[in-house]
PDB file of all heavy atoms in Angstrom:
ATOM      1  N   GLN A   1      -2.249 -13.746   4.226  1.00  0.00           N
ATOM      2  CA  GLN A   1      -2.453 -14.801   3.227  1.00  0.00           C
ATOM      3  C   GLN A   1      -2.253 -14.303   1.803  1.00  0.00           C
ATOM      4  O   GLN A   1      -2.209 -15.095   0.864  1.00  0.00           O
ATOM      5  CB  GLN A   1      -3.875 -15.366   3.347  1.00  0.00           C
ATOM      6  CG  GLN A   1      -4.168 -16.054   4.655  1.00  0.00           C
ATOM      7  CD  GLN A   1      -5.602 -16.564   4.682  1.00  0.00           C
ATOM      8  OE1 GLN A   1      -6.122 -17.045   3.682  1.00  0.00           O
ATOM      9  NE2 GLN A   1      -6.257 -16.450   5.822  1.00  0.00           N
ATOM     10  N   ALA A   2      -2.159 -12.980   1.642  1.00  0.00           N
ATOM     11  CA  ALA A   2      -2.124 -12.412   0.294  1.00  0.00           C
ATOM     12  C   ALA A   2      -0.862 -12.824  -0.453  1.00  0.00           C
ATOM     13  O   ALA A   2       0.233 -12.822   0.093  1.00  0.00           O
ATOM     14  CB  ALA A   2      -2.212 -10.889   0.364  1.00  0.00           C
ATOM     15  N   ASP A   3      -1.054 -13.179  -1.721  1.00  0.00           N
ATOM     16  CA  ASP A   3       0.090 -13.417  -2.598  1.00  0.00           C
ATOM     17  C   ASP A   3       0.575 -12.098  -3.188  1.00  0.00           C
ATOM     18  O   ASP A   3       1.739 -11.976  -3.564  1.00  0.00           O
ATOM     19  CB  ASP A   3      -0.298 -14.391  -3.719  1.00  0.00           C
ATOM     20  CG  ASP A   3      -0.644 -15.766  -3.161  1.00  0.00           C
ATOM     21  OD1 ASP A   3       0.257 -16.427  -2.622  1.00  0.00           O
ATOM     22  OD2 ASP A   3      -1.826 -16.161  -3.241  1.00  0.00           O
ATOM     23  N   LEU A   4      -0.330 -11.115  -3.272  1.00  0.00           N
ATOM     24  CA  LEU A   4       0.040  -9.794  -3.785  1.00  0.00           C
ATOM     25  C   LEU A   4      -0.908  -8.759  -3.202  1.00  0.00           C
ATOM     26  O   LEU A   4      -2.125  -8.953  -3.185  1.00  0.00           O
ATOM     27  CB  LEU A   4      -0.047  -9.778  -5.317  1.00  0.00           C
ATOM     28  CG  LEU A   4       0.551  -8.562  -6.010  1.00  0.00           C
ATOM     29  CD1 LEU A   4       2.074  -8.528  -5.834  1.00  0.00           C
ATOM     30  CD2 LEU A   4       0.222  -8.576  -7.497  1.00  0.00           C
ATOM     31  N   ILE A   5      -0.333  -7.649  -2.711  1.00  0.00           N
ATOM     32  CA  ILE A   5      -1.122  -6.518  -2.235  1.00  0.00           C
ATOM     33  C   ILE A   5      -0.948  -5.407  -3.263  1.00  0.00           C
ATOM     34  O   ILE A   5       0.181  -5.026  -3.586  1.00  0.00           O
ATOM     35  CB  ILE A   5      -0.649  -6.046  -0.848  1.00  0.00           C
ATOM     36  CG1 ILE A   5      -0.776  -7.195   0.167  1.00  0.00           C
ATOM     37  CG2 ILE A   5      -1.459  -4.834  -0.378  1.00  0.00           C
ATOM     38  CD1 ILE A   5       0.129  -7.057   1.356  1.00  0.00           C
ATOM     39  N   VAL A   6      -2.062  -4.924  -3.791  1.00  0.00           N
ATOM     40  CA  VAL A   6      -2.022  -3.919  -4.849  1.00  0.00           C
ATOM     41  C   VAL A   6      -2.552  -2.597  -4.292  1.00  0.00           C
ATOM     42  O   VAL A   6      -3.730  -2.497  -3.953  1.00  0.00           O
ATOM     43  CB  VAL A   6      -2.856  -4.350  -6.077  1.00  0.00           C
ATOM     44  CG1 VAL A   6      -2.760  -3.303  -7.176  1.00  0.00           C
ATOM     45  CG2 VAL A   6      -2.408  -5.714  -6.585  1.00  0.00           C
ATOM     46  N   PHE A   7      -1.663  -1.599  -4.174  1.00  0.00           N
ATOM     47  CA  PHE A   7      -2.064  -0.269  -3.756  1.00  0.00           C
ATOM     48  C   PHE A   7      -2.433   0.516  -5.005  1.00  0.00           C
ATOM     49  O   PHE A   7      -1.583   0.782  -5.851  1.00  0.00           O
ATOM     50  CB  PHE A   7      -0.919   0.435  -3.026  1.00  0.00           C
ATOM     51  CG  PHE A   7      -0.964   0.268  -1.530  1.00  0.00           C
ATOM     52  CD1 PHE A   7      -0.463  -0.874  -0.946  1.00  0.00           C
ATOM     53  CD2 PHE A   7      -1.516   1.256  -0.720  1.00  0.00           C
ATOM     54  CE1 PHE A   7      -0.501  -1.040   0.428  1.00  0.00           C
ATOM     55  CE2 PHE A   7      -1.556   1.094   0.655  1.00  0.00           C
ATOM     56  CZ  PHE A   7      -1.053  -0.050   1.236  1.00  0.00           C
ATOM     57  N   VAL A   8      -3.706   0.892  -5.117  1.00  0.00           N
ATOM     58  CA  VAL A   8      -4.183   1.637  -6.284  1.00  0.00           C
ATOM     59  C   VAL A   8      -4.302   3.117  -5.919  1.00  0.00           C
ATOM     60  O   VAL A   8      -4.953   3.474  -4.935  1.00  0.00           O
ATOM     61  CB  VAL A   8      -5.552   1.103  -6.769  1.00  0.00           C
ATOM     62  CG1 VAL A   8      -6.061   1.932  -7.953  1.00  0.00           C
ATOM     63  CG2 VAL A   8      -5.452  -0.366  -7.155  1.00  0.00           C
ATOM     64  N   PHE A   9      -3.648   3.954  -6.710  1.00  0.00           N
ATOM     65  CA  PHE A   9      -3.698   5.397  -6.517  1.00  0.00           C
ATOM     66  C   PHE A   9      -4.328   6.050  -7.736  1.00  0.00           C
ATOM     67  O   PHE A   9      -4.159   5.580  -8.863  1.00  0.00           O
ATOM     68  CB  PHE A   9      -2.285   5.986  -6.367  1.00  0.00           C
ATOM     69  CG  PHE A   9      -1.553   5.537  -5.141  1.00  0.00           C
ATOM     70  CD1 PHE A   9      -0.659   4.479  -5.206  1.00  0.00           C
ATOM     71  CD2 PHE A   9      -1.739   6.166  -3.918  1.00  0.00           C
ATOM     72  CE1 PHE A   9       0.029   4.062  -4.085  1.00  0.00           C
ATOM     73  CE2 PHE A   9      -1.053   5.759  -2.792  1.00  0.00           C
ATOM     74  CZ  PHE A   9      -0.162   4.706  -2.874  1.00  0.00           C
ATOM     75  N   GLU A  10      -5.022   7.162  -7.512  1.00  0.00           N
ATOM     76  CA  GLU A  10      -5.467   8.003  -8.616  1.00  0.00           C
ATOM     77  C   GLU A  10      -4.212   8.626  -9.213  1.00  0.00           C
ATOM     78  O   GLU A  10      -3.423   9.256  -8.501  1.00  0.00           O
ATOM     79  CB  GLU A  10      -6.420   9.069  -8.079  1.00  0.00           C
ATOM     80  CG  GLU A  10      -6.988   9.971  -9.135  1.00  0.00           C
ATOM     81  CD  GLU A  10      -7.819  11.097  -8.540  1.00  0.00           C
ATOM     82  OE1 GLU A  10      -7.784  11.298  -7.313  1.00  0.00           O
ATOM     83  OE2 GLU A  10      -8.476  11.799  -9.327  1.00  0.00           O
ATOM     84  N   SER A  11      -4.006   8.469 -10.508  1.00  0.00           N
ATOM     85  CA  SER A  11      -2.756   8.930 -11.116  1.00  0.00           C
ATOM     86  C   SER A  11      -2.536  10.425 -10.940  1.00  0.00           C
ATOM     87  O   SER A  11      -1.402  10.885 -10.846  1.00  0.00           O
ATOM     88  CB  SER A  11      -2.724   8.565 -12.608  1.00  0.00           C
ATOM     89  OG  SER A  11      -3.782   9.202 -13.289  1.00  0.00           O
ATOM     90  N   LYS A  12      -3.634  11.191 -10.860  1.00  0.00           N
ATOM     91  CA  LYS A  12      -3.505  12.647 -10.717  1.00  0.00           C
ATOM     92  C   LYS A  12      -2.941  13.058  -9.361  1.00  0.00           C
ATOM     93  O   LYS A  12      -2.312  14.101  -9.241  1.00  0.00           O
ATOM     94  CB  LYS A  12      -4.880  13.322 -10.901  1.00  0.00           C
ATOM     95  CG  LYS A  12      -5.368  13.371 -12.330  1.00  0.00           C
ATOM     96  CD  LYS A  12      -6.691  14.110 -12.365  1.00  0.00           C
ATOM     97  CE  LYS A  12      -7.174  14.295 -13.796  1.00  0.00           C
ATOM     98  NZ  LYS A  12      -8.465  15.008 -13.843  1.00  0.00           N
ATOM     99  N   ASN A  13      -3.216  12.242  -8.328  1.00  0.00           N
ATOM    100  CA  ASN A  13      -2.761  12.620  -6.984  1.00  0.00           C
ATOM    101  C   ASN A  13      -2.492  11.378  -6.135  1.00  0.00           C
ATOM    102  O   ASN A  13      -3.353  10.953  -5.378  1.00  0.00           O
ATOM    103  CB  ASN A  13      -3.784  13.521  -6.296  1.00  0.00           C
ATOM    104  CG  ASN A  13      -3.279  14.046  -4.965  1.00  0.00           C
ATOM    105  OD1 ASN A  13      -2.144  13.785  -4.571  1.00  0.00           O
ATOM    106  ND2 ASN A  13      -4.119  14.774  -4.259  1.00  0.00           N
ATOM    107  N   PRO A  14      -1.283  10.810  -6.250  1.00  0.00           N
ATOM    108  CA  PRO A  14      -0.969   9.603  -5.477  1.00  0.00           C
ATOM    109  C   PRO A  14      -0.364   9.904  -4.105  1.00  0.00           C
ATOM    110  O   PRO A  14       0.251   9.043  -3.491  1.00  0.00           O
ATOM    111  CB  PRO A  14       0.062   8.910  -6.371  1.00  0.00           C
ATOM    112  CG  PRO A  14       0.775  10.035  -7.043  1.00  0.00           C
ATOM    113  CD  PRO A  14      -0.245  11.133  -7.229  1.00  0.00           C
ATOM    114  N   TYR A  15      -0.556  11.134  -3.607  1.00  0.00           N
ATOM    115  CA  TYR A  15       0.127  11.547  -2.376  1.00  0.00           C
ATOM    116  C   TYR A  15      -0.816  11.705  -1.186  1.00  0.00           C
ATOM    117  O   TYR A  15      -0.417  12.224  -0.151  1.00  0.00           O
ATOM    118  CB  TYR A  15       0.870  12.865  -2.612  1.00  0.00           C
ATOM    119  CG  TYR A  15       1.741  12.838  -3.845  1.00  0.00           C
ATOM    120  CD1 TYR A  15       1.407  13.579  -4.982  1.00  0.00           C
ATOM    121  CD2 TYR A  15       2.881  12.031  -3.897  1.00  0.00           C
ATOM    122  CE1 TYR A  15       2.193  13.542  -6.125  1.00  0.00           C
ATOM    123  CE2 TYR A  15       3.675  11.983  -5.039  1.00  0.00           C
ATOM    124  CZ  TYR A  15       3.322  12.738  -6.138  1.00  0.00           C
ATOM    125  OH  TYR A  15       4.102  12.679  -7.277  1.00  0.00           O
ATOM    126  N   ARG A  16      -2.063  11.271  -1.338  1.00  0.00           N
ATOM    127  CA  ARG A  16      -3.028  11.486  -0.256  1.00  0.00           C
ATOM    128  C   ARG A  16      -2.671  10.639   0.962  1.00  0.00           C
ATOM    129  O   ARG A  16      -2.250   9.496   0.849  1.00  0.00           O
ATOM    130  CB  ARG A  16      -4.436  11.171  -0.746  1.00  0.00           C
ATOM    131  CG  ARG A  16      -4.842  12.190  -1.785  1.00  0.00           C
ATOM    132  CD  ARG A  16      -6.274  12.099  -2.184  1.00  0.00           C
ATOM    133  NE  ARG A  16      -6.544  13.135  -3.194  1.00  0.00           N
ATOM    134  CZ  ARG A  16      -7.507  13.066  -4.078  1.00  0.00           C
ATOM    135  NH1 ARG A  16      -8.303  12.045  -4.086  1.00  0.00           N
ATOM    136  NH2 ARG A  16      -7.674  14.032  -4.956  1.00  0.00           N
ATOM    137  N   GLU A  17      -2.906  11.243   2.111  1.00  0.00           N
ATOM    138  CA  GLU A  17      -2.381  10.681   3.353  1.00  0.00           C
ATOM    139  C   GLU A  17      -2.973   9.328   3.738  1.00  0.00           C
ATOM    140  O   GLU A  17      -2.262   8.455   4.239  1.00  0.00           O
ATOM    141  CB  GLU A  17      -2.620  11.680   4.498  1.00  0.00           C
ATOM    142  CG  GLU A  17      -2.011  11.235   5.813  1.00  0.00           C
ATOM    143  CD  GLU A  17      -2.313  12.210   6.951  1.00  0.00           C
ATOM    144  OE1 GLU A  17      -2.982  13.226   6.715  1.00  0.00           O
ATOM    145  OE2 GLU A  17      -1.869  11.918   8.062  1.00  0.00           O
ATOM    146  N   SER A  18      -4.280   9.123   3.508  1.00  0.00           N
ATOM    147  CA  SER A  18      -4.909   7.924   4.070  1.00  0.00           C
ATOM    148  C   SER A  18      -4.336   6.629   3.495  1.00  0.00           C
ATOM    149  O   SER A  18      -4.186   5.633   4.207  1.00  0.00           O
ATOM    150  CB  SER A  18      -6.433   7.965   3.882  1.00  0.00           C
ATOM    151  OG  SER A  18      -6.788   7.771   2.528  1.00  0.00           O
ATOM    152  N   ALA A  19      -4.010   6.624   2.187  1.00  0.00           N
ATOM    153  CA  ALA A  19      -3.447   5.403   1.595  1.00  0.00           C
ATOM    154  C   ALA A  19      -2.089   5.089   2.205  1.00  0.00           C
ATOM    155  O   ALA A  19      -1.788   3.951   2.557  1.00  0.00           O
ATOM    156  CB  ALA A  19      -3.326   5.562   0.085  1.00  0.00           C
ATOM    157  N   TRP A  20      -1.268   6.120   2.359  1.00  0.00           N
ATOM    158  CA  TRP A  20       0.066   5.902   2.932  1.00  0.00           C
ATOM    159  C   TRP A  20      -0.028   5.600   4.426  1.00  0.00           C
ATOM    160  O   TRP A  20       0.799   4.867   4.974  1.00  0.00           O
ATOM    161  CB  TRP A  20       0.954   7.110   2.663  1.00  0.00           C
ATOM    162  CG  TRP A  20       1.278   7.241   1.202  1.00  0.00           C
ATOM    163  CD1 TRP A  20       0.750   8.126   0.313  1.00  0.00           C
ATOM    164  CD2 TRP A  20       2.176   6.418   0.436  1.00  0.00           C
ATOM    165  NE1 TRP A  20       1.268   7.922  -0.946  1.00  0.00           N
ATOM    166  CE2 TRP A  20       2.148   6.888  -0.898  1.00  0.00           C
ATOM    167  CE3 TRP A  20       3.002   5.334   0.750  1.00  0.00           C
ATOM    168  CZ2 TRP A  20       2.906   6.313  -1.918  1.00  0.00           C
ATOM    169  CZ3 TRP A  20       3.771   4.761  -0.251  1.00  0.00           C
ATOM    170  CH2 TRP A  20       3.714   5.243  -1.571  1.00  0.00           C
ATOM    171  N   LYS A  21      -1.049   6.137   5.083  1.00  0.00           N
ATOM    172  CA  LYS A  21      -1.257   5.841   6.506  1.00  0.00           C
ATOM    173  C   LYS A  21      -1.620   4.367   6.671  1.00  0.00           C
ATOM    174  O   LYS A  21      -1.137   3.689   7.569  1.00  0.00           O
ATOM    175  CB  LYS A  21      -2.373   6.735   7.057  1.00  0.00           C
ATOM    176  CG  LYS A  21      -2.525   6.682   8.567  1.00  0.00           C
ATOM    177  CD  LYS A  21      -3.572   7.695   9.024  1.00  0.00           C
ATOM    178  CE  LYS A  21      -3.766   7.625  10.527  1.00  0.00           C
ATOM    179  NZ  LYS A  21      -4.834   8.533  10.994  1.00  0.00           N
ATOM    180  N   PHE A  22      -2.478   3.867   5.770  1.00  0.00           N
ATOM    181  CA  PHE A  22      -2.828   2.447   5.838  1.00  0.00           C
ATOM    182  C   PHE A  22      -1.599   1.577   5.560  1.00  0.00           C
ATOM    183  O   PHE A  22      -1.413   0.531   6.180  1.00  0.00           O
ATOM    184  CB  PHE A  22      -3.948   2.105   4.848  1.00  0.00           C
ATOM    185  CG  PHE A  22      -4.358   0.657   4.933  1.00  0.00           C
ATOM    186  CD1 PHE A  22      -5.087   0.200   6.010  1.00  0.00           C
ATOM    187  CD2 PHE A  22      -3.995  -0.243   3.941  1.00  0.00           C
ATOM    188  CE1 PHE A  22      -5.442  -1.134   6.101  1.00  0.00           C
ATOM    189  CE2 PHE A  22      -4.347  -1.574   4.031  1.00  0.00           C
ATOM    190  CZ  PHE A  22      -5.081  -2.017   5.119  1.00  0.00           C
ATOM    191  N   PHE A  23      -0.771   2.022   4.641  1.00  0.00           N
ATOM    192  CA  PHE A  23       0.473   1.310   4.348  1.00  0.00           C
ATOM    193  C   PHE A  23       1.265   1.079   5.635  1.00  0.00           C
ATOM    194  O   PHE A  23       1.861   0.019   5.843  1.00  0.00           O
ATOM    195  CB  PHE A  23       1.296   2.136   3.351  1.00  0.00           C
ATOM    196  CG  PHE A  23       2.594   1.501   2.937  1.00  0.00           C
ATOM    197  CD1 PHE A  23       2.674   0.726   1.796  1.00  0.00           C
ATOM    198  CD2 PHE A  23       3.742   1.672   3.697  1.00  0.00           C
ATOM    199  CE1 PHE A  23       3.878   0.142   1.404  1.00  0.00           C
ATOM    200  CE2 PHE A  23       4.938   1.103   3.321  1.00  0.00           C
ATOM    201  CZ  PHE A  23       5.007   0.327   2.177  1.00  0.00           C
ATOM    202  N   ASP A  24       1.261   2.068   6.534  1.00  0.00           N
ATOM    203  CA  ASP A  24       2.016   1.963   7.782  1.00  0.00           C
ATOM    204  C   ASP A  24       1.466   0.884   8.715  1.00  0.00           C
ATOM    205  O   ASP A  24       2.175   0.422   9.607  1.00  0.00           O
ATOM    206  CB  ASP A  24       2.032   3.309   8.513  1.00  0.00           C
ATOM    207  CG  ASP A  24       2.846   4.352   7.770  1.00  0.00           C
ATOM    208  OD1 ASP A  24       3.759   3.959   7.006  1.00  0.00           O
ATOM    209  OD2 ASP A  24       2.575   5.560   7.935  1.00  0.00           O
ATOM    210  N   TYR A  25       0.197   0.477   8.506  1.00  0.00           N
ATOM    211  CA  TYR A  25      -0.372  -0.586   9.335  1.00  0.00           C
ATOM    212  C   TYR A  25       0.161  -1.964   8.941  1.00  0.00           C
ATOM    213  O   TYR A  25       0.027  -2.925   9.687  1.00  0.00           O
ATOM    214  CB  TYR A  25      -1.902  -0.623   9.198  1.00  0.00           C
ATOM    215  CG  TYR A  25      -2.617   0.397  10.036  1.00  0.00           C
ATOM    216  CD1 TYR A  25      -3.282   1.460   9.432  1.00  0.00           C
ATOM    217  CD2 TYR A  25      -2.657   0.310  11.422  1.00  0.00           C
ATOM    218  CE1 TYR A  25      -3.957   2.402  10.181  1.00  0.00           C
ATOM    219  CE2 TYR A  25      -3.330   1.247  12.181  1.00  0.00           C
ATOM    220  CZ  TYR A  25      -3.980   2.296  11.556  1.00  0.00           C
ATOM    221  OH  TYR A  25      -4.639   3.227  12.304  1.00  0.00           O
ATOM    222  N   ILE A  26       0.694  -2.055   7.754  1.00  0.00           N
ATOM    223  CA  ILE A  26       1.093  -3.371   7.243  1.00  0.00           C
ATOM    224  C   ILE A  26       2.480  -3.732   7.754  1.00  0.00           C
ATOM    225  O   ILE A  26       3.425  -2.982   7.626  1.00  0.00           O
ATOM    226  CB  ILE A  26       1.061  -3.392   5.700  1.00  0.00           C
ATOM    227  CG1 ILE A  26      -0.364  -3.141   5.213  1.00  0.00           C
ATOM    228  CG2 ILE A  26       1.545  -4.727   5.166  1.00  0.00           C
ATOM    229  CD1 ILE A  26      -0.502  -3.024   3.725  1.00  0.00           C
ATOM    230  N   SER A  27       2.559  -4.924   8.321  1.00  0.00           N
ATOM    231  CA  SER A  27       3.815  -5.382   8.922  1.00  0.00           C
ATOM    232  C   SER A  27       4.956  -5.412   7.914  1.00  0.00           C
ATOM    233  O   SER A  27       4.763  -5.691   6.734  1.00  0.00           O
ATOM    234  CB  SER A  27       3.605  -6.789   9.498  1.00  0.00           C
ATOM    235  OG  SER A  27       4.825  -7.368   9.865  1.00  0.00           O
ATOM    236  N   GLU A  28       6.160  -5.150   8.396  1.00  0.00           N
ATOM    237  CA  GLU A  28       7.369  -5.167   7.570  1.00  0.00           C
ATOM    238  C   GLU A  28       7.476  -6.439   6.736  1.00  0.00           C
ATOM    239  O   GLU A  28       7.856  -6.424   5.583  1.00  0.00           O
ATOM    240  CB  GLU A  28       8.613  -5.058   8.464  1.00  0.00           C
ATOM    241  CG  GLU A  28       8.777  -3.719   9.150  1.00  0.00           C
ATOM    242  CD  GLU A  28       9.351  -2.668   8.237  1.00  0.00           C
ATOM    243  OE1 GLU A  28       9.925  -3.025   7.199  1.00  0.00           O
ATOM    244  OE2 GLU A  28       9.207  -1.477   8.562  1.00  0.00           O
ATOM    245  N   GLU A  29       7.129  -7.574   7.350  1.00  0.00           N
ATOM    246  CA  GLU A  29       7.369  -8.860   6.683  1.00  0.00           C
ATOM    247  C   GLU A  29       6.493  -9.063   5.454  1.00  0.00           C
ATOM    248  O   GLU A  29       6.780  -9.909   4.608  1.00  0.00           O
ATOM    249  CB  GLU A  29       7.150 -10.020   7.662  1.00  0.00           C
ATOM    250  CG  GLU A  29       5.714 -10.128   8.150  1.00  0.00           C
ATOM    251  CD  GLU A  29       5.578 -11.056   9.341  1.00  0.00           C
ATOM    252  OE1 GLU A  29       5.745 -10.609  10.483  1.00  0.00           O
ATOM    253  OE2 GLU A  29       5.305 -12.250   9.101  1.00  0.00           O
ATOM    254  N   TRP A  30       5.389  -8.292   5.314  1.00  0.00           N
ATOM    255  CA  TRP A  30       4.494  -8.474   4.170  1.00  0.00           C
ATOM    256  C   TRP A  30       4.803  -7.514   3.040  1.00  0.00           C
ATOM    257  O   TRP A  30       4.217  -7.601   1.973  1.00  0.00           O
ATOM    258  CB  TRP A  30       3.038  -8.301   4.610  1.00  0.00           C
ATOM    259  CG  TRP A  30       2.639  -9.258   5.689  1.00  0.00           C
ATOM    260  CD1 TRP A  30       3.055 -10.560   5.829  1.00  0.00           C
ATOM    261  CD2 TRP A  30       1.769  -8.998   6.790  1.00  0.00           C
ATOM    262  NE1 TRP A  30       2.492 -11.103   6.937  1.00  0.00           N
ATOM    263  CE2 TRP A  30       1.696 -10.179   7.556  1.00  0.00           C
ATOM    264  CE3 TRP A  30       1.038  -7.886   7.200  1.00  0.00           C
ATOM    265  CZ2 TRP A  30       0.930 -10.284   8.701  1.00  0.00           C
ATOM    266  CZ3 TRP A  30       0.271  -7.992   8.345  1.00  0.00           C
ATOM    267  CH2 TRP A  30       0.223  -9.178   9.088  1.00  0.00           C
ATOM    268  N   ARG A  31       5.720  -6.581   3.246  1.00  0.00           N
ATOM    269  CA  ARG A  31       5.925  -5.526   2.249  1.00  0.00           C
ATOM    270  C   ARG A  31       6.549  -6.047   0.961  1.00  0.00           C
ATOM    271  O   ARG A  31       6.469  -5.402  -0.065  1.00  0.00           O
ATOM    272  CB  ARG A  31       6.766  -4.399   2.842  1.00  0.00           C
ATOM    273  CG  ARG A  31       5.995  -3.657   3.915  1.00  0.00           C
ATOM    274  CD  ARG A  31       6.681  -2.407   4.347  1.00  0.00           C
ATOM    275  NE  ARG A  31       5.890  -1.746   5.376  1.00  0.00           N
ATOM    276  CZ  ARG A  31       6.230  -0.612   5.940  1.00  0.00           C
ATOM    277  NH1 ARG A  31       7.341  -0.002   5.587  1.00  0.00           N
ATOM    278  NH2 ARG A  31       5.467  -0.068   6.857  1.00  0.00           N
ATOM    279  N   LYS A  32       7.158  -7.209   1.013  1.00  0.00           N
ATOM    280  CA  LYS A  32       7.760  -7.761  -0.204  1.00  0.00           C
ATOM    281  C   LYS A  32       6.708  -8.147  -1.239  1.00  0.00           C
ATOM    282  O   LYS A  32       7.019  -8.385  -2.398  1.00  0.00           O
ATOM    283  CB  LYS A  32       8.635  -8.973   0.140  1.00  0.00           C
ATOM    284  CG  LYS A  32       7.872 -10.152   0.702  1.00  0.00           C
ATOM    285  CD  LYS A  32       8.831 -11.272   1.101  1.00  0.00           C
ATOM    286  CE  LYS A  32       8.139 -12.547   1.501  1.00  0.00           C
ATOM    287  NZ  LYS A  32       7.074 -12.435   2.487  1.00  0.00           N
ATOM    288  N   LYS A  33       5.454  -8.208  -0.831  1.00  0.00           N
ATOM    289  CA  LYS A  33       4.389  -8.642  -1.726  1.00  0.00           C
ATOM    290  C   LYS A  33       3.617  -7.472  -2.333  1.00  0.00           C
ATOM    291  O   LYS A  33       2.540  -7.662  -2.866  1.00  0.00           O
ATOM    292  CB  LYS A  33       3.380  -9.501  -0.961  1.00  0.00           C
ATOM    293  CG  LYS A  33       3.939 -10.694  -0.236  1.00  0.00           C
ATOM    294  CD  LYS A  33       2.802 -11.346   0.538  1.00  0.00           C
ATOM    295  CE  LYS A  33       3.252 -12.529   1.361  1.00  0.00           C
ATOM    296  NZ  LYS A  33       2.122 -13.120   2.091  1.00  0.00           N
ATOM    297  N   ILE A  34       4.127  -6.260  -2.242  1.00  0.00           N
ATOM    298  CA  ILE A  34       3.353  -5.076  -2.629  1.00  0.00           C
ATOM    299  C   ILE A  34       3.746  -4.552  -4.008  1.00  0.00           C
ATOM    300  O   ILE A  34       4.929  -4.511  -4.349  1.00  0.00           O
ATOM    301  CB  ILE A  34       3.547  -3.956  -1.579  1.00  0.00           C
ATOM    302  CG1 ILE A  34       2.853  -4.341  -0.277  1.00  0.00           C
ATOM    303  CG2 ILE A  34       3.022  -2.626  -2.081  1.00  0.00           C
ATOM    304  CD1 ILE A  34       3.071  -3.362   0.840  1.00  0.00           C
ATOM    305  N   VAL A  35       2.724  -4.168  -4.795  1.00  0.00           N
ATOM    306  CA  VAL A  35       2.968  -3.368  -5.992  1.00  0.00           C
ATOM    307  C   VAL A  35       2.062  -2.134  -5.923  1.00  0.00           C
ATOM    308  O   VAL A  35       1.052  -2.130  -5.222  1.00  0.00           O
ATOM    309  CB  VAL A  35       2.708  -4.138  -7.318  1.00  0.00           C
ATOM    310  CG1 VAL A  35       3.648  -5.319  -7.445  1.00  0.00           C
ATOM    311  CG2 VAL A  35       1.263  -4.560  -7.452  1.00  0.00           C
TER     312      VAL A  35
END
């Protein structure tokens, strides 16, 4: 239902695995709504 999904990263280290791992749970069709 989301109009926008906002992935917030700590600017010092945006490479931590758990955020990107969660990203992988999100279906391909919803990725157009991500910033």
